[in-house]
Amino acid sequence: MLIHNFFGHLGTVLRHRHKVMEHCFKAGIIRRGLLHDLSKFSPTEFLCGVRYYQGTRSPNEMEREIIGYSKAWMHHKGRNRHHFEYWTDYSPVTRRMEPVRMPDIYIYEMFCDRVAASKIYNKEKYADNLPLEYFMKAKTWRIIEKETSDKLEFLLRLLAEKGEDACFRYIRRQVKKL
């Protein structure tokens, strides 16, 4: 079981990472693709991934169900700027933790990450509308800065309506302006 989980989790991480790299390269953000999710190979994240691996969903979900939170996710989101959860800080106005706007380069990487995850977990059932549907399911309760959310939703709608080529072409044009 442990060996099965080790190789199963390793395979999922590698497939996902390579798919994100492929998308980042198409989007013109090569450096982001090369650096994407390297923390998943740290003991904190990788060993939890092996322990809670099921093959059909993120091991973080099972870890949450069993211990009430995910150590791996807490580690991951604190080190990877392509997750909107990274982008929170104390507001000098409200004196509460608030979401802050993500730089566009990380929004583009987040888009690539979400599309790749949808492809990896949905396999042959993947369709370009699935990442948008997944995003919309949690839109009302997600804690994300409005402009960041709007930009990501725009990209996911563009993908659903016009396809990958049009979407990556759009992102490449935006990256040139950065």
C-alpha atoms as a PDB file:
ATOM      1  CA  MET A   1       0.000   0.000   0.000  1.00  0.00           C
ATOM      2  CA  LEU A   2       2.740   2.474   0.954  1.00  0.00           C
ATOM      3  CA  ILE A   3       4.713   1.766  -2.237  1.00  0.00           C
ATOM      4  CA  HIS A   4       1.509   2.086  -4.293  1.00  0.00           C
ATOM      5  CA  ASN A   5       0.752   5.437  -2.630  1.00  0.00           C
ATOM      6  CA  PHE A   6       4.337   6.646  -3.084  1.00  0.00           C
ATOM      7  CA  PHE A   7       4.418   5.985  -6.819  1.00  0.00           C
ATOM      8  CA  GLY A   8       0.792   6.998  -7.304  1.00  0.00           C
ATOM      9  CA  HIS A   9       1.328  10.359  -5.622  1.00  0.00           C
ATOM     10  CA  LEU A  10       4.683  10.916  -7.323  1.00  0.00           C
ATOM     11  CA  GLY A  11       3.114  10.176 -10.709  1.00  0.00           C
ATOM     12  CA  THR A  12       0.224  12.575 -10.084  1.00  0.00           C
ATOM     13  CA  VAL A  13       2.557  15.356  -8.944  1.00  0.00           C
ATOM     14  CA  LEU A  14       4.870  14.883 -11.927  1.00  0.00           C
ATOM     15  CA  ARG A  15       2.023  14.693 -14.473  1.00  0.00           C
ATOM     16  CA  HIS A  16       0.431  17.808 -12.991  1.00  0.00           C
ATOM     17  CA  ARG A  17       3.690  19.733 -12.845  1.00  0.00           C
ATOM     18  CA  HIS A  18       4.565  18.870 -16.437  1.00  0.00           C
ATOM     19  CA  LYS A  19       1.088  19.854 -17.623  1.00  0.00           C
ATOM     20  CA  VAL A  20       1.388  23.197 -15.802  1.00  0.00           C
ATOM     21  CA  MET A  21       4.835  23.702 -17.360  1.00  0.00           C
ATOM     22  CA  GLU A  22       3.380  22.997 -20.808  1.00  0.00           C
ATOM     23  CA  HIS A  23       0.614  25.548 -20.203  1.00  0.00           C
ATOM     24  CA  CYS A  24       2.994  28.146 -18.780  1.00  0.00           C
ATOM     25  CA  PHE A  25       5.262  27.764 -21.807  1.00  0.00           C
ATOM     26  CA  LYS A  26       2.247  28.291 -24.113  1.00  0.00           C
ATOM     27  CA  ALA A  27       1.307  31.348 -22.049  1.00  0.00           C
ATOM     28  CA  GLY A  28       4.792  32.834 -22.354  1.00  0.00           C
ATOM     29  CA  ILE A  29       5.626  32.558 -18.641  1.00  0.00           C
ATOM     30  CA  ILE A  30       8.422  30.016 -18.902  1.00  0.00           C
ATOM     31  CA  ARG A  31      10.117  30.861 -15.592  1.00  0.00           C
ATOM     32  CA  ARG A  32       6.839  30.396 -13.694  1.00  0.00           C
ATOM     33  CA  GLY A  33       6.427  27.000 -15.335  1.00  0.00           C
ATOM     34  CA  LEU A  34       9.919  25.889 -14.373  1.00  0.00           C
ATOM     35  CA  LEU A  35       9.465  26.974 -10.741  1.00  0.00           C
ATOM     36  CA  HIS A  36       5.889  25.744 -10.381  1.00  0.00           C
ATOM     37  CA  ASP A  37       5.063  23.672  -7.280  1.00  0.00           C
ATOM     38  CA  LEU A  38       8.616  22.737  -6.318  1.00  0.00           C
ATOM     39  CA  SER A  39       7.486  22.755  -2.675  1.00  0.00           C
ATOM     40  CA  LYS A  40       5.441  19.599  -3.398  1.00  0.00           C
ATOM     41  CA  PHE A  41       8.743  17.709  -3.192  1.00  0.00           C
ATOM     42  CA  SER A  42       9.447  18.952   0.348  1.00  0.00           C
ATOM     43  CA  PRO A  43       8.953  16.370   3.117  1.00  0.00           C
ATOM     44  CA  THR A  44       6.043  18.345   4.626  1.00  0.00           C
ATOM     45  CA  GLU A  45       4.016  18.184   1.430  1.00  0.00           C
ATOM     46  CA  PHE A  46       5.242  15.001  -0.216  1.00  0.00           C
ATOM     47  CA  LEU A  47       4.943  12.685   2.791  1.00  0.00           C
ATOM     48  CA  CYS A  48       1.404  13.906   3.507  1.00  0.00           C
ATOM     49  CA  GLY A  49       0.595  13.363  -0.164  1.00  0.00           C
ATOM     50  CA  VAL A  50       1.802   9.768   0.043  1.00  0.00           C
ATOM     51  CA  ARG A  51       0.001   9.098   3.321  1.00  0.00           C
ATOM     52  CA  TYR A  52      -3.374  10.442   2.115  1.00  0.00           C
ATOM     53  CA  TYR A  53      -3.136   9.479  -1.562  1.00  0.00           C
ATOM     54  CA  GLN A  54      -6.312   8.058  -3.149  1.00  0.00           C
ATOM     55  CA  GLY A  55      -5.733   8.798  -6.836  1.00  0.00           C
ATOM     56  CA  THR A  56      -9.078  10.477  -7.492  1.00  0.00           C
ATOM     57  CA  ARG A  57      -8.715  13.775  -5.617  1.00  0.00           C
ATOM     58  CA  SER A  58      -6.164  15.855  -3.774  1.00  0.00           C
ATOM     59  CA  PRO A  59      -4.663  14.099  -0.745  1.00  0.00           C
ATOM     60  CA  ASN A  60      -5.170  17.403   1.083  1.00  0.00           C
ATOM     61  CA  GLU A  61      -8.921  16.732   1.120  1.00  0.00           C
ATOM     62  CA  MET A  62      -8.504  13.440   2.970  1.00  0.00           C
ATOM     63  CA  GLU A  63      -5.945  14.937   5.348  1.00  0.00           C
ATOM     64  CA  ARG A  64      -8.510  17.627   6.247  1.00  0.00           C
ATOM     65  CA  GLU A  65     -11.198  15.019   6.816  1.00  0.00           C
ATOM     66  CA  ILE A  66      -8.974  12.971   9.129  1.00  0.00           C
ATOM     67  CA  ILE A  67      -7.129  15.592  11.205  1.00  0.00           C
ATOM     68  CA  GLY A  68      -9.274  18.697  10.623  1.00  0.00           C
ATOM     69  CA  TYR A  69      -6.807  20.653   8.492  1.00  0.00           C
ATOM     70  CA  SER A  70      -4.120  20.003   5.919  1.00  0.00           C
ATOM     71  CA  LYS A  71      -0.516  20.547   6.976  1.00  0.00           C
ATOM     72  CA  ALA A  72       0.538  20.000   3.372  1.00  0.00           C
ATOM     73  CA  TRP A  73      -1.843  22.694   2.067  1.00  0.00           C
ATOM     74  CA  MET A  74      -0.858  25.189   4.779  1.00  0.00           C
ATOM     75  CA  HIS A  75       2.773  24.675   3.778  1.00  0.00           C
ATOM     76  CA  HIS A  76       1.998  24.815   0.055  1.00  0.00           C
ATOM     77  CA  LYS A  77      -0.156  27.942  -0.020  1.00  0.00           C
ATOM     78  CA  GLY A  78       2.385  29.825   2.089  1.00  0.00           C
ATOM     79  CA  ARG A  79       5.170  29.222  -0.442  1.00  0.00           C
ATOM     80  CA  ASN A  80       3.472  29.416  -3.820  1.00  0.00           C
ATOM     81  CA  ARG A  81       2.363  32.821  -5.046  1.00  0.00           C
ATOM     82  CA  HIS A  82       0.104  31.376  -7.739  1.00  0.00           C
ATOM     83  CA  HIS A  83      -2.469  30.533  -5.039  1.00  0.00           C
ATOM     84  CA  PHE A  84      -4.824  33.365  -4.137  1.00  0.00           C
ATOM     85  CA  GLU A  85      -4.727  32.131  -0.532  1.00  0.00           C
ATOM     86  CA  TYR A  86      -1.088  33.290  -0.391  1.00  0.00           C
ATOM     87  CA  TRP A  87      -2.285  36.834  -1.034  1.00  0.00           C
ATOM     88  CA  THR A  88      -3.789  37.815   2.305  1.00  0.00           C
ATOM     89  CA  ASP A  89      -2.505  40.370   4.762  1.00  0.00           C
ATOM     90  CA  TYR A  90      -3.658  42.495   7.655  1.00  0.00           C
ATOM     91  CA  SER A  91      -5.494  45.569   6.410  1.00  0.00           C
ATOM     92  CA  PRO A  92      -4.392  48.835   8.014  1.00  0.00           C
ATOM     93  CA  VAL A  93      -8.008  50.016   7.619  1.00  0.00           C
ATOM     94  CA  THR A  94      -9.992  47.067   9.028  1.00  0.00           C
ATOM     95  CA  ARG A  95      -7.167  45.542  11.096  1.00  0.00           C
ATOM     96  CA  ARG A  96      -8.339  42.158   9.864  1.00  0.00           C
ATOM     97  CA  MET A  97      -6.878  39.603   7.520  1.00  0.00           C
ATOM     98  CA  GLU A  98      -8.056  40.564   4.018  1.00  0.00           C
ATOM     99  CA  PRO A  99      -7.366  39.319   0.492  1.00  0.00           C
ATOM    100  CA  VAL A 100      -5.083  41.533  -1.578  1.00  0.00           C
ATOM    101  CA  ARG A 101      -4.702  41.815  -5.337  1.00  0.00           C
ATOM    102  CA  MET A 102      -2.431  39.275  -6.996  1.00  0.00           C
ATOM    103  CA  PRO A 103       0.125  40.428  -9.557  1.00  0.00           C
ATOM    104  CA  ASP A 104      -0.993  39.383 -13.047  1.00  0.00           C
ATOM    105  CA  ILE A 105       1.923  37.026 -13.634  1.00  0.00           C
ATOM    106  CA  TYR A 106       0.703  34.827 -10.744  1.00  0.00           C
ATOM    107  CA  ILE A 107      -2.899  35.027 -11.958  1.00  0.00           C
ATOM    108  CA  TYR A 108      -1.700  33.602 -15.277  1.00  0.00           C
ATOM    109  CA  GLU A 109       0.184  30.833 -13.485  1.00  0.00           C
ATOM    110  CA  MET A 110      -2.899  30.151 -11.334  1.00  0.00           C
ATOM    111  CA  PHE A 111      -4.950  29.805 -14.521  1.00  0.00           C
ATOM    112  CA  CYS A 112      -2.429  27.322 -15.948  1.00  0.00           C
ATOM    113  CA  ASP A 113      -2.465  25.415 -12.649  1.00  0.00           C
ATOM    114  CA  ARG A 114      -6.259  25.171 -12.526  1.00  0.00           C
ATOM    115  CA  VAL A 115      -6.563  23.995 -16.116  1.00  0.00           C
ATOM    116  CA  ALA A 116      -3.826  21.396 -15.599  1.00  0.00           C
ATOM    117  CA  ALA A 117      -5.453  20.123 -12.383  1.00  0.00           C
ATOM    118  CA  SER A 118      -8.774  19.801 -14.181  1.00  0.00           C
ATOM    119  CA  LYS A 119      -7.098  17.773 -16.934  1.00  0.00           C
ATOM    120  CA  ILE A 120      -5.231  15.524 -14.493  1.00  0.00           C
ATOM    121  CA  TYR A 121      -8.223  14.749 -12.270  1.00  0.00           C
ATOM    122  CA  ASN A 122     -10.872  14.546 -15.033  1.00  0.00           C
ATOM    123  CA  LYS A 123      -8.651  12.644 -17.488  1.00  0.00           C
ATOM    124  CA  GLU A 124     -10.565  11.796 -20.705  1.00  0.00           C
ATOM    125  CA  LYS A 125     -13.710  13.551 -19.385  1.00  0.00           C
ATOM    126  CA  TYR A 126     -11.925  16.929 -19.470  1.00  0.00           C
ATOM    127  CA  ALA A 127     -13.612  19.730 -21.401  1.00  0.00           C
ATOM    128  CA  ASP A 128     -12.644  23.404 -21.570  1.00  0.00           C
ATOM    129  CA  ASN A 129     -15.710  24.437 -19.540  1.00  0.00           C
ATOM    130  CA  LEU A 130     -14.788  22.310 -16.489  1.00  0.00           C
ATOM    131  CA  PRO A 131     -12.247  24.708 -14.897  1.00  0.00           C
ATOM    132  CA  LEU A 132     -14.847  27.507 -15.055  1.00  0.00           C
ATOM    133  CA  GLU A 133     -17.558  25.280 -13.563  1.00  0.00           C
ATOM    134  CA  TYR A 134     -15.250  24.296 -10.700  1.00  0.00           C
ATOM    135  CA  PHE A 135     -14.378  27.952 -10.067  1.00  0.00           C
ATOM    136  CA  MET A 136     -18.018  29.052 -10.090  1.00  0.00           C
ATOM    137  CA  LYS A 137     -19.112  26.385  -7.565  1.00  0.00           C
ATOM    138  CA  ALA A 138     -17.225  28.142  -4.779  1.00  0.00           C
ATOM    139  CA  LYS A 139     -17.339  31.733  -6.040  1.00  0.00           C
ATOM    140  CA  THR A 140     -19.739  33.019  -3.382  1.00  0.00           C
ATOM    141  CA  TRP A 141     -17.708  31.838  -0.390  1.00  0.00           C
ATOM    142  CA  ARG A 142     -14.157  32.072  -1.743  1.00  0.00           C
ATOM    143  CA  ILE A 143     -11.963  34.659   0.018  1.00  0.00           C
ATOM    144  CA  ILE A 144     -10.247  36.287  -2.941  1.00  0.00           C
ATOM    145  CA  GLU A 145      -9.679  39.892  -3.896  1.00  0.00           C
ATOM    146  CA  LYS A 146     -12.347  41.050  -6.381  1.00  0.00           C
ATOM    147  CA  GLU A 147     -10.090  42.172  -9.252  1.00  0.00           C
ATOM    148  CA  THR A 148      -8.058  38.953  -8.950  1.00  0.00           C
ATOM    149  CA  SER A 149     -11.256  36.892  -9.022  1.00  0.00           C
ATOM    150  CA  ASP A 150     -12.603  38.846 -12.002  1.00  0.00           C
ATOM    151  CA  LYS A 151      -9.394  38.359 -13.996  1.00  0.00           C
ATOM    152  CA  LEU A 152      -9.286  34.637 -13.310  1.00  0.00           C
ATOM    153  CA  GLU A 153     -12.966  34.256 -14.172  1.00  0.00           C
ATOM    154  CA  PHE A 154     -12.396  36.196 -17.424  1.00  0.00           C
ATOM    155  CA  LEU A 155      -9.616  33.778 -18.412  1.00  0.00           C
ATOM    156  CA  LEU A 156     -11.687  30.729 -17.495  1.00  0.00           C
ATOM    157  CA  ARG A 157     -14.645  32.074 -19.518  1.00  0.00           C
ATOM    158  CA  LEU A 158     -12.349  32.777 -22.454  1.00  0.00           C
ATOM    159  CA  LEU A 159     -11.112  29.194 -22.252  1.00  0.00           C
ATOM    160  CA  ALA A 160     -14.662  27.803 -22.082  1.00  0.00           C
ATOM    161  CA  GLU A 161     -15.921  29.942 -24.964  1.00  0.00           C
ATOM    162  CA  LYS A 162     -12.924  30.240 -27.322  1.00  0.00           C
ATOM    163  CA  GLY A 163     -10.593  27.378 -26.357  1.00  0.00           C
ATOM    164  CA  GLU A 164      -6.985  27.039 -25.257  1.00  0.00           C
ATOM    165  CA  ASP A 165      -5.290  28.576 -28.287  1.00  0.00           C
ATOM    166  CA  ALA A 166      -7.239  31.827 -27.991  1.00  0.00           C
ATOM    167  CA  CYS A 167      -6.730  31.954 -24.256  1.00  0.00           C
ATOM    168  CA  PHE A 168      -2.977  31.395 -24.357  1.00  0.00           C
ATOM    169  CA  ARG A 169      -2.663  33.902 -27.211  1.00  0.00           C
ATOM    170  CA  TYR A 170      -4.475  36.478 -25.036  1.00  0.00           C
ATOM    171  CA  ILE A 171      -2.210  35.767 -22.030  1.00  0.00           C
ATOM    172  CA  ARG A 172       0.969  36.023 -24.169  1.00  0.00           C
ATOM    173  CA  ARG A 173      -0.162  39.487 -25.342  1.00  0.00           C
ATOM    174  CA  GLN A 174      -0.764  40.545 -21.727  1.00  0.00           C
ATOM    175  CA  VAL A 175       2.589  39.159 -20.558  1.00  0.00           C
ATOM    176  CA  LYS A 176       4.387  41.293 -23.149  1.00  0.00           C
ATOM    177  CA  LYS A 177       2.850  44.378 -21.487  1.00  0.00           C
ATOM    178  CA  LEU A 178       4.208  43.460 -18.034  1.00  0.00           C
END
